[in-house]
Amino acid sequence: MKKSRPGALLTVLAKMEDANRLTKLIFAETTTLGVRRRDEQRQTLSRRWETVDTTWGPVRIKIAGMNGSISNYAPEYEDCRALAEAHHVPLKQVMEEAVRTYAVGKKDG
């Protein structure tokens, strides 16, 4: 943005080996006069999958952890979306039941 004109920020996450090709593409397809590049580092939690049975069918739960303890868990969106669509129920309802089922099983186990 310059001189109070509106602007847009384009962020591209890519492999280093694709950077030159993507920079050329950005120059060819946009009106930009410059591209900033930087190397980013990413840290991730270890992940594993468990499956829970819901009223509408099985849903995979992604479980993230650190140092042997569970940090976070979430139902697999595509599993929930497919079940919601197939059974004509709200996606939110399927996701909530999957989380609830996992949480109850976690307390029991």
N, C-alpha and C. Protein backbone atom coordinates (compact mmCIF):
# COMPACT_ATOMS: atom_id res chain seq x y z
N MET A 1 0.86 -1.16 0.00
CA MET A 1 0.00 0.00 0.00
C MET A 1 0.91 1.23 0.00
N LYS A 2 0.61 2.13 -0.89
CA LYS A 2 1.43 3.34 -1.00
C LYS A 2 0.53 4.53 -1.29
N LYS A 3 0.84 5.65 -0.69
CA LYS A 3 0.09 6.89 -0.91
C LYS A 3 -1.41 6.69 -0.67
N SER A 4 -1.74 5.94 0.37
CA SER A 4 -3.12 5.69 0.78
C SER A 4 -3.96 4.94 -0.25
N ARG A 5 -3.30 4.31 -1.20
CA ARG A 5 -4.03 3.48 -2.16
C ARG A 5 -4.24 2.10 -1.54
N PRO A 6 -5.34 1.46 -1.88
CA PRO A 6 -5.57 0.13 -1.33
C PRO A 6 -4.54 -0.86 -1.88
N GLY A 7 -4.25 -1.85 -1.10
CA GLY A 7 -3.30 -2.87 -1.53
C GLY A 7 -3.74 -4.23 -1.06
N ALA A 8 -3.09 -5.22 -1.57
CA ALA A 8 -3.37 -6.60 -1.17
C ALA A 8 -2.05 -7.27 -0.83
N LEU A 9 -2.08 -8.13 0.17
CA LEU A 9 -0.91 -8.89 0.56
C LEU A 9 -1.11 -10.33 0.13
N LEU A 10 -0.19 -10.84 -0.64
CA LEU A 10 -0.23 -12.22 -1.10
C LEU A 10 0.88 -12.97 -0.37
N THR A 11 0.51 -14.03 0.33
CA THR A 11 1.49 -14.86 1.02
C THR A 11 1.46 -16.23 0.38
N VAL A 12 2.62 -16.74 0.02
CA VAL A 12 2.72 -18.05 -0.62
C VAL A 12 3.64 -18.92 0.22
N LEU A 13 3.14 -20.04 0.67
CA LEU A 13 3.96 -21.02 1.36
C LEU A 13 4.36 -22.08 0.34
N ALA A 14 5.65 -22.28 0.20
CA ALA A 14 6.12 -23.20 -0.83
C ALA A 14 7.46 -23.81 -0.42
N LYS A 15 7.82 -24.85 -1.12
CA LYS A 15 9.14 -25.45 -0.93
C LYS A 15 10.18 -24.52 -1.55
N MET A 16 11.39 -24.52 -0.96
CA MET A 16 12.46 -23.65 -1.46
C MET A 16 12.74 -23.87 -2.94
N GLU A 17 12.67 -25.12 -3.37
CA GLU A 17 12.98 -25.41 -4.78
C GLU A 17 11.94 -24.84 -5.75
N ASP A 18 10.78 -24.45 -5.23
CA ASP A 18 9.73 -23.86 -6.08
C ASP A 18 9.74 -22.33 -6.05
N ALA A 19 10.58 -21.73 -5.23
CA ALA A 19 10.54 -20.28 -5.01
C ALA A 19 10.76 -19.47 -6.29
N ASN A 20 11.76 -19.79 -7.07
CA ASN A 20 12.02 -19.01 -8.29
C ASN A 20 10.87 -19.11 -9.28
N ARG A 21 10.35 -20.31 -9.46
CA ARG A 21 9.24 -20.50 -10.39
C ARG A 21 8.01 -19.72 -9.94
N LEU A 22 7.73 -19.76 -8.64
CA LEU A 22 6.56 -19.06 -8.13
C LEU A 22 6.75 -17.54 -8.17
N THR A 23 7.97 -17.07 -7.94
CA THR A 23 8.24 -15.64 -8.04
C THR A 23 7.99 -15.16 -9.47
N LYS A 24 8.45 -15.91 -10.45
CA LYS A 24 8.20 -15.56 -11.86
C LYS A 24 6.70 -15.54 -12.15
N LEU A 25 5.98 -16.49 -11.60
CA LEU A 25 4.53 -16.55 -11.80
C LEU A 25 3.85 -15.33 -11.19
N ILE A 26 4.26 -14.95 -10.00
CA ILE A 26 3.68 -13.77 -9.34
C ILE A 26 3.93 -12.51 -10.17
N PHE A 27 5.16 -12.36 -10.67
CA PHE A 27 5.45 -11.20 -11.52
C PHE A 27 4.63 -11.22 -12.80
N ALA A 28 4.43 -12.40 -13.36
CA ALA A 28 3.68 -12.50 -14.63
C ALA A 28 2.18 -12.27 -14.44
N GLU A 29 1.64 -12.67 -13.29
CA GLU A 29 0.19 -12.66 -13.10
C GLU A 29 -0.34 -11.50 -12.26
N THR A 30 0.56 -10.69 -11.68
CA THR A 30 0.12 -9.56 -10.87
C THR A 30 0.79 -8.28 -11.33
N THR A 31 0.42 -7.18 -10.73
CA THR A 31 1.02 -5.89 -11.08
C THR A 31 2.15 -5.51 -10.13
N THR A 32 2.58 -6.42 -9.27
CA THR A 32 3.62 -6.10 -8.29
C THR A 32 4.94 -5.76 -8.96
N LEU A 33 5.71 -4.94 -8.28
CA LEU A 33 7.04 -4.57 -8.74
C LEU A 33 8.12 -5.22 -7.88
N GLY A 34 7.72 -5.93 -6.85
CA GLY A 34 8.69 -6.57 -5.97
C GLY A 34 8.09 -7.70 -5.17
N VAL A 35 8.95 -8.63 -4.81
CA VAL A 35 8.56 -9.79 -4.01
C VAL A 35 9.56 -9.94 -2.88
N ARG A 36 9.08 -10.08 -1.66
CA ARG A 36 9.94 -10.36 -0.51
C ARG A 36 9.92 -11.85 -0.25
N ARG A 37 11.09 -12.41 0.03
CA ARG A 37 11.18 -13.84 0.34
C ARG A 37 11.91 -14.03 1.65
N ARG A 38 11.44 -15.01 2.40
CA ARG A 38 12.15 -15.37 3.62
C ARG A 38 11.96 -16.86 3.90
N ASP A 39 12.90 -17.39 4.60
CA ASP A 39 12.86 -18.80 4.97
C ASP A 39 12.18 -18.89 6.33
N GLU A 40 11.15 -19.70 6.42
CA GLU A 40 10.41 -19.89 7.67
C GLU A 40 10.73 -21.28 8.21
N GLN A 41 10.64 -21.41 9.51
CA GLN A 41 10.79 -22.71 10.15
C GLN A 41 9.48 -23.05 10.84
N ARG A 42 9.19 -24.33 10.90
CA ARG A 42 7.93 -24.77 11.49
C ARG A 42 8.21 -25.89 12.47
N GLN A 43 7.57 -25.81 13.61
CA GLN A 43 7.63 -26.90 14.58
C GLN A 43 6.22 -27.46 14.72
N THR A 44 6.12 -28.75 14.82
CA THR A 44 4.81 -29.37 14.96
C THR A 44 4.81 -30.32 16.16
N LEU A 45 3.63 -30.53 16.67
CA LEU A 45 3.44 -31.52 17.71
C LEU A 45 3.37 -32.90 17.07
N SER A 46 3.73 -33.92 17.82
CA SER A 46 3.55 -35.27 17.30
C SER A 46 2.05 -35.53 17.17
N ARG A 47 1.69 -36.34 16.18
CA ARG A 47 0.27 -36.59 15.93
C ARG A 47 0.01 -38.08 15.77
N ARG A 48 -1.18 -38.45 16.15
CA ARG A 48 -1.65 -39.82 15.92
C ARG A 48 -3.15 -39.75 15.68
N TRP A 49 -3.69 -40.85 15.19
CA TRP A 49 -5.12 -40.90 14.86
C TRP A 49 -5.79 -41.98 15.67
N GLU A 50 -7.01 -41.69 16.12
CA GLU A 50 -7.90 -42.70 16.69
C GLU A 50 -9.24 -42.54 15.99
N THR A 51 -10.03 -43.58 15.99
CA THR A 51 -11.35 -43.52 15.38
C THR A 51 -12.40 -43.69 16.47
N VAL A 52 -13.41 -42.83 16.40
CA VAL A 52 -14.55 -42.95 17.33
C VAL A 52 -15.80 -43.26 16.51
N ASP A 53 -16.72 -43.98 17.13
CA ASP A 53 -17.99 -44.29 16.48
C ASP A 53 -19.04 -43.28 16.92
N THR A 54 -19.64 -42.60 15.95
CA THR A 54 -20.72 -41.66 16.23
C THR A 54 -22.04 -42.28 15.79
N THR A 55 -23.11 -41.61 16.04
CA THR A 55 -24.44 -42.05 15.63
C THR A 55 -24.48 -42.29 14.12
N TRP A 56 -23.70 -41.53 13.38
CA TRP A 56 -23.77 -41.57 11.91
C TRP A 56 -22.65 -42.37 11.28
N GLY A 57 -21.69 -42.80 12.06
CA GLY A 57 -20.59 -43.59 11.52
C GLY A 57 -19.26 -43.20 12.15
N PRO A 58 -18.17 -43.84 11.70
CA PRO A 58 -16.86 -43.60 12.30
C PRO A 58 -16.26 -42.25 11.86
N VAL A 59 -15.55 -41.64 12.81
CA VAL A 59 -14.86 -40.37 12.55
C VAL A 59 -13.45 -40.50 13.12
N ARG A 60 -12.47 -40.15 12.31
CA ARG A 60 -11.08 -40.13 12.79
C ARG A 60 -10.86 -38.87 13.62
N ILE A 61 -10.15 -39.03 14.73
CA ILE A 61 -9.78 -37.92 15.60
C ILE A 61 -8.27 -37.76 15.52
N LYS A 62 -7.81 -36.56 15.20
CA LYS A 62 -6.38 -36.27 15.19
C LYS A 62 -5.99 -35.82 16.59
N ILE A 63 -4.99 -36.49 17.15
CA ILE A 63 -4.56 -36.22 18.51
C ILE A 63 -3.13 -35.72 18.47
N ALA A 64 -2.92 -34.52 19.01
CA ALA A 64 -1.59 -33.92 19.03
C ALA A 64 -1.06 -33.95 20.45
N GLY A 65 0.23 -34.25 20.57
CA GLY A 65 0.79 -34.33 21.90
C GLY A 65 2.23 -33.87 21.96
N MET A 66 2.67 -33.66 23.21
CA MET A 66 4.04 -33.27 23.46
C MET A 66 4.48 -33.90 24.77
N ASN A 67 5.65 -34.51 24.74
CA ASN A 67 6.21 -35.16 25.93
C ASN A 67 5.25 -36.18 26.54
N GLY A 68 4.55 -36.90 25.69
CA GLY A 68 3.67 -37.96 26.16
C GLY A 68 2.30 -37.53 26.64
N SER A 69 2.02 -36.23 26.64
CA SER A 69 0.69 -35.79 27.06
C SER A 69 -0.07 -35.20 25.88
N ILE A 70 -1.39 -35.31 25.93
CA ILE A 70 -2.24 -34.81 24.85
C ILE A 70 -2.39 -33.30 24.98
N SER A 71 -2.06 -32.59 23.91
CA SER A 71 -2.17 -31.13 23.88
C SER A 71 -3.47 -30.67 23.27
N ASN A 72 -3.92 -31.42 22.27
CA ASN A 72 -5.10 -31.01 21.52
C ASN A 72 -5.64 -32.20 20.75
N TYR A 73 -6.91 -32.15 20.41
CA TYR A 73 -7.49 -33.17 19.54
C TYR A 73 -8.64 -32.55 18.77
N ALA A 74 -8.88 -33.08 17.57
CA ALA A 74 -9.93 -32.53 16.72
C ALA A 74 -10.42 -33.60 15.76
N PRO A 75 -11.71 -33.58 15.45
CA PRO A 75 -12.24 -34.55 14.47
C PRO A 75 -11.78 -34.20 13.07
N GLU A 76 -11.60 -35.21 12.24
CA GLU A 76 -11.21 -35.00 10.84
C GLU A 76 -12.40 -34.38 10.09
N TYR A 77 -12.17 -33.20 9.57
CA TYR A 77 -13.23 -32.44 8.92
C TYR A 77 -13.90 -33.23 7.81
N GLU A 78 -13.13 -33.83 6.93
CA GLU A 78 -13.72 -34.53 5.78
C GLU A 78 -14.59 -35.72 6.21
N ASP A 79 -14.20 -36.43 7.26
CA ASP A 79 -15.03 -37.52 7.78
C ASP A 79 -16.38 -36.97 8.24
N CYS A 80 -16.33 -35.88 9.01
CA CYS A 80 -17.55 -35.28 9.54
C CYS A 80 -18.43 -34.71 8.43
N ARG A 81 -17.80 -34.06 7.47
CA ARG A 81 -18.55 -33.47 6.36
C ARG A 81 -19.29 -34.56 5.57
N ALA A 82 -18.60 -35.65 5.28
CA ALA A 82 -19.23 -36.74 4.51
C ALA A 82 -20.40 -37.35 5.27
N LEU A 83 -20.25 -37.56 6.58
CA LEU A 83 -21.34 -38.13 7.36
C LEU A 83 -22.51 -37.16 7.47
N ALA A 84 -22.23 -35.89 7.68
CA ALA A 84 -23.29 -34.88 7.77
C ALA A 84 -24.08 -34.82 6.47
N GLU A 85 -23.38 -34.84 5.36
CA GLU A 85 -24.04 -34.78 4.05
C GLU A 85 -24.87 -36.05 3.81
N ALA A 86 -24.30 -37.20 4.11
CA ALA A 86 -24.98 -38.47 3.85
C ALA A 86 -26.23 -38.64 4.72
N HIS A 87 -26.19 -38.10 5.94
CA HIS A 87 -27.31 -38.29 6.87
C HIS A 87 -28.17 -37.04 7.05
N HIS A 88 -27.87 -36.02 6.27
CA HIS A 88 -28.66 -34.77 6.29
C HIS A 88 -28.77 -34.18 7.70
N VAL A 89 -27.62 -34.10 8.35
CA VAL A 89 -27.56 -33.46 9.67
C VAL A 89 -26.52 -32.34 9.61
N PRO A 90 -26.61 -31.38 10.53
CA PRO A 90 -25.62 -30.29 10.52
C PRO A 90 -24.20 -30.80 10.80
N LEU A 91 -23.25 -30.29 10.07
CA LEU A 91 -21.84 -30.64 10.26
C LEU A 91 -21.41 -30.42 11.71
N LYS A 92 -21.83 -29.32 12.28
CA LYS A 92 -21.48 -28.99 13.66
C LYS A 92 -21.92 -30.09 14.62
N GLN A 93 -23.07 -30.66 14.38
CA GLN A 93 -23.60 -31.72 15.24
C GLN A 93 -22.71 -32.96 15.19
N VAL A 94 -22.27 -33.33 14.00
CA VAL A 94 -21.40 -34.50 13.84
C VAL A 94 -20.05 -34.23 14.53
N MET A 95 -19.50 -33.05 14.32
CA MET A 95 -18.21 -32.71 14.92
C MET A 95 -18.29 -32.71 16.44
N GLU A 96 -19.36 -32.13 16.98
CA GLU A 96 -19.53 -32.08 18.43
C GLU A 96 -19.65 -33.48 19.03
N GLU A 97 -20.40 -34.35 18.36
CA GLU A 97 -20.55 -35.71 18.89
C GLU A 97 -19.22 -36.46 18.83
N ALA A 98 -18.46 -36.28 17.77
CA ALA A 98 -17.16 -36.94 17.66
C ALA A 98 -16.23 -36.51 18.79
N VAL A 99 -16.18 -35.22 19.07
CA VAL A 99 -15.34 -34.70 20.15
C VAL A 99 -15.83 -35.23 21.49
N ARG A 100 -17.11 -35.18 21.70
CA ARG A 100 -17.70 -35.65 22.96
C ARG A 100 -17.40 -37.14 23.16
N THR A 101 -17.56 -37.93 22.12
CA THR A 101 -17.31 -39.37 22.21
C THR A 101 -15.85 -39.65 22.53
N TYR A 102 -14.96 -38.92 21.90
CA TYR A 102 -13.54 -39.11 22.18
C TYR A 102 -13.22 -38.72 23.63
N ALA A 103 -13.75 -37.58 24.06
CA ALA A 103 -13.47 -37.08 25.42
C ALA A 103 -13.97 -38.05 26.47
N VAL A 104 -15.14 -38.62 26.28
CA VAL A 104 -15.69 -39.60 27.24
C VAL A 104 -14.82 -40.85 27.25
N GLY A 105 -14.42 -41.33 26.10
CA GLY A 105 -13.56 -42.51 26.01
C GLY A 105 -12.20 -42.28 26.64
N LYS A 106 -11.70 -41.05 26.52
CA LYS A 106 -10.41 -40.69 27.09
C LYS A 106 -10.45 -40.74 28.61
N LYS A 107 -11.58 -40.32 29.20
CA LYS A 107 -11.73 -40.34 30.66
C LYS A 107 -11.82 -41.78 31.17
N ASP A 108 -12.50 -42.62 30.37
CA ASP A 108 -12.66 -44.02 30.78
C ASP A 108 -11.37 -44.82 30.65
N GLY A 109 -10.53 -44.43 29.65
CA GLY A 109 -9.34 -45.23 29.35
C GLY A 109 -8.12 -44.83 30.02
